[in-house]
């Protein structure tokens, strides 16, 4: 019997801004995230939050698919601009 390696799950974040009223299409993507829409301010805040979230995960030595939803929610809250 051969031992199979456990499958690694894949994780990704999706940010969706719904407050765009200027008709501009804003899209920012990365290896494990996509941010779509929003006003310029909202899109910038979501982008900053995602970047800081992945920096925090890196500091903790974890990947997105290795954290529990509660831990991820805490990281995102901590990473959000005030």
Protein backbone atom coordinates (compact mmCIF):
# COMPACT_ATOMS: atom_id res chain seq x y z
CA UNK A 1 0.00 0.00 0.00
CA UNK A 2 1.43 3.35 -0.95
CA UNK A 3 1.04 6.32 1.30
CA UNK A 4 -0.45 9.33 -0.35
CA UNK A 5 0.55 12.79 0.70
CA UNK A 6 -2.34 14.66 2.24
CA UNK A 7 -3.81 17.17 -0.16
CA UNK A 8 -3.06 20.73 0.67
CA UNK A 9 -6.09 22.90 0.55
CA UNK A 10 -6.04 26.12 -1.35
CA UNK A 11 -7.07 29.39 0.18
CA UNK A 12 -7.88 32.71 -1.41
CA UNK A 13 -9.38 36.01 -0.30
CA UNK A 14 -11.94 37.93 -2.30
CA UNK A 15 -12.69 41.58 -1.63
CA UNK A 16 -15.77 43.06 -3.25
CA UNK A 17 -16.51 46.77 -3.05
CA UNK A 18 -20.04 47.87 -3.83
CA UNK A 19 -19.81 51.62 -3.30
CA UNK A 20 -18.47 52.64 -6.71
CA UNK A 21 -20.45 55.39 -8.38
CA UNK A 22 -17.82 56.85 -10.74
CA UNK A 23 -17.94 54.04 -13.32
CA UNK A 24 -14.25 53.21 -12.91
CA UNK A 25 -13.40 49.49 -12.90
CA UNK A 26 -10.95 48.70 -10.15
CA UNK A 27 -9.34 45.27 -10.08
CA UNK A 28 -6.32 44.22 -8.03
CA UNK A 29 -5.16 40.61 -8.00
CA UNK A 30 -2.41 38.62 -6.38
CA UNK A 31 -1.43 35.00 -6.00
CA UNK A 32 -4.07 34.33 -3.35
CA UNK A 33 -6.44 37.28 -3.57
CA UNK A 34 -8.63 39.37 -5.82
CA UNK A 35 -10.13 42.75 -5.02
CA UNK A 36 -12.90 43.97 -7.26
CA UNK A 37 -14.78 47.24 -7.42
CA UNK A 38 -15.42 49.83 -4.80
CA UNK A 39 -14.71 53.52 -4.71
CA UNK A 40 -11.07 54.59 -4.90
CA UNK A 41 -10.96 54.88 -1.08
CA UNK A 42 -12.65 51.53 -0.45
CA UNK A 43 -10.47 49.72 -2.98
CA UNK A 44 -7.32 51.20 -1.44
CA UNK A 45 -8.41 50.17 2.08
CA UNK A 46 -9.19 46.62 0.97
CA UNK A 47 -5.83 46.36 -0.82
CA UNK A 48 -3.95 47.63 2.23
CA UNK A 49 -5.82 45.18 4.47
CA UNK A 50 -4.99 42.21 2.25
CA UNK A 51 -1.31 43.15 1.98
CA UNK A 52 -1.00 43.54 5.76
CA UNK A 53 -2.92 40.29 6.30
CA UNK A 54 -0.45 38.32 4.18
CA UNK A 55 2.48 40.05 5.92
CA UNK A 56 1.06 38.95 9.29
CA UNK A 57 0.60 35.39 8.05
CA UNK A 58 4.21 35.36 6.86
CA UNK A 59 5.40 36.60 10.27
CA UNK A 60 3.46 33.77 11.90
CA UNK A 61 4.98 31.27 9.47
CA UNK A 62 1.57 30.22 8.17
CA UNK A 63 -0.19 30.04 4.86
CA UNK A 64 -3.72 31.19 4.25
CA UNK A 65 -5.01 27.63 4.08
CA UNK A 66 -3.37 26.79 7.41
CA UNK A 67 -5.26 29.23 9.61
CA UNK A 68 -8.68 28.71 11.07
CA UNK A 69 -11.42 31.14 10.06
CA UNK A 70 -11.51 32.70 13.55
CA UNK A 71 -7.75 33.33 13.49
CA UNK A 72 -7.99 34.76 9.97
CA UNK A 73 -10.82 37.08 11.02
CA UNK A 74 -8.66 38.37 13.90
CA UNK A 75 -5.70 38.96 11.56
CA UNK A 76 -7.89 40.80 9.05
CA UNK A 77 -9.39 42.97 11.79
CA UNK A 78 -5.90 43.78 13.08
CA UNK A 79 -4.70 44.52 9.52
CA UNK A 80 -7.53 46.88 8.60
CA UNK A 81 -6.67 50.57 8.46
CA UNK A 82 -8.42 52.49 11.19
